[in-house]
């Protein structure tokens, strides 16, 4: 469904930062999904062929979770990008 079953330790391993660093995002599912999307797009761009389809699906799911508010999606992804 475009979501991953992650916990705080998974996010810390992936980013080197605590999930608390992203506390501006109220919904933990939204935060985790945005973190994974930005991490893959920025840190693993060299292997984007491996994850491109998964991220496309995740972006669609994230947009749904945000009530199809594209501006909010853009804002959250930018915020996560700045935190990483």
Protein backbone atom coordinates (compact mmCIF):
# COMPACT_ATOMS: atom_id res chain seq x y z
CA UNK A 1 0.00 0.00 0.00
CA UNK A 2 3.02 2.30 -0.23
CA UNK A 3 3.77 2.27 3.49
CA UNK A 4 6.66 0.63 5.28
CA UNK A 5 6.53 -0.94 8.71
CA UNK A 6 9.35 1.07 10.26
CA UNK A 7 10.15 2.09 13.78
CA UNK A 8 12.30 4.80 15.32
CA UNK A 9 15.42 2.61 15.28
CA UNK A 10 14.98 1.94 11.56
CA UNK A 11 14.78 5.67 10.86
CA UNK A 12 17.88 6.31 12.95
CA UNK A 13 19.82 3.60 11.08
CA UNK A 14 18.69 4.98 7.74
CA UNK A 15 19.35 8.65 8.45
CA UNK A 16 21.68 8.77 11.43
CA UNK A 17 19.10 10.99 13.13
CA UNK A 18 16.36 10.41 15.64
CA UNK A 19 12.73 10.50 14.56
CA UNK A 20 12.37 13.29 17.14
CA UNK A 21 14.32 15.53 14.73
CA UNK A 22 11.24 15.43 12.51
CA UNK A 23 8.69 16.18 15.23
CA UNK A 24 7.23 19.09 13.22
CA UNK A 25 5.38 16.42 11.22
CA UNK A 26 2.49 15.39 13.44
CA UNK A 27 1.65 12.02 11.87
CA UNK A 28 4.49 9.50 12.42
CA UNK A 29 3.49 7.50 9.31
CA UNK A 30 3.72 10.63 7.20
CA UNK A 31 7.08 11.51 8.76
CA UNK A 32 8.56 8.06 8.21
CA UNK A 33 7.33 7.86 4.64
CA UNK A 34 8.70 11.31 3.82
CA UNK A 35 12.04 10.44 5.44
CA UNK A 36 12.41 7.26 3.39
CA UNK A 37 11.46 9.03 0.17
CA UNK A 38 13.94 11.87 0.65
CA UNK A 39 16.69 9.56 1.91
CA UNK A 40 16.45 7.31 -1.12
CA UNK A 41 16.17 10.21 -3.55
CA UNK A 42 19.14 12.10 -2.13
CA UNK A 43 21.52 9.51 -0.71
CA UNK A 44 20.91 6.62 -3.05
CA UNK A 45 20.29 8.36 -6.36
CA UNK A 46 23.00 6.28 -8.06
CA UNK A 47 20.81 3.19 -7.72
CA UNK A 48 17.49 4.88 -8.45
CA UNK A 49 16.51 2.20 -10.95
CA UNK A 50 16.21 -0.19 -8.01
CA UNK A 51 13.75 1.92 -6.02
CA UNK A 52 12.10 4.32 -8.49
CA UNK A 53 8.80 2.41 -8.74
CA UNK A 54 8.57 1.94 -4.99
CA UNK A 55 9.12 5.64 -4.36
CA UNK A 56 6.53 6.58 -6.98
CA UNK A 57 3.98 4.43 -5.15
CA UNK A 58 5.08 5.84 -1.78
CA UNK A 59 4.67 9.42 -3.03
CA UNK A 60 1.15 8.63 -4.20
CA UNK A 61 0.33 7.09 -0.81
CA UNK A 62 1.82 10.04 1.05
CA UNK A 63 -0.25 12.42 -1.04
CA UNK A 64 -3.36 10.41 -0.14
CA UNK A 65 -2.47 10.57 3.56
CA UNK A 66 -2.25 14.35 3.19
CA UNK A 67 -5.72 14.60 1.68
CA UNK A 68 -4.29 15.09 -1.83
CA UNK A 69 -2.77 18.40 -0.76
CA UNK A 70 0.21 18.75 -3.12
CA UNK A 71 1.42 21.93 -1.40
CA UNK A 72 1.55 20.16 1.95
CA UNK A 73 3.40 17.24 0.36
CA UNK A 74 5.98 19.58 -1.15
CA UNK A 75 6.37 21.41 2.17
CA UNK A 76 6.89 18.21 4.17
CA UNK A 77 9.40 16.81 1.70
CA UNK A 78 11.33 20.10 1.70
CA UNK A 79 11.33 20.13 5.50
CA UNK A 80 12.68 16.58 5.66
CA UNK A 81 15.30 17.38 3.04
CA UNK A 82 16.52 20.32 5.13
CA UNK A 83 16.67 18.16 8.28
CA UNK A 84 18.76 15.51 6.56
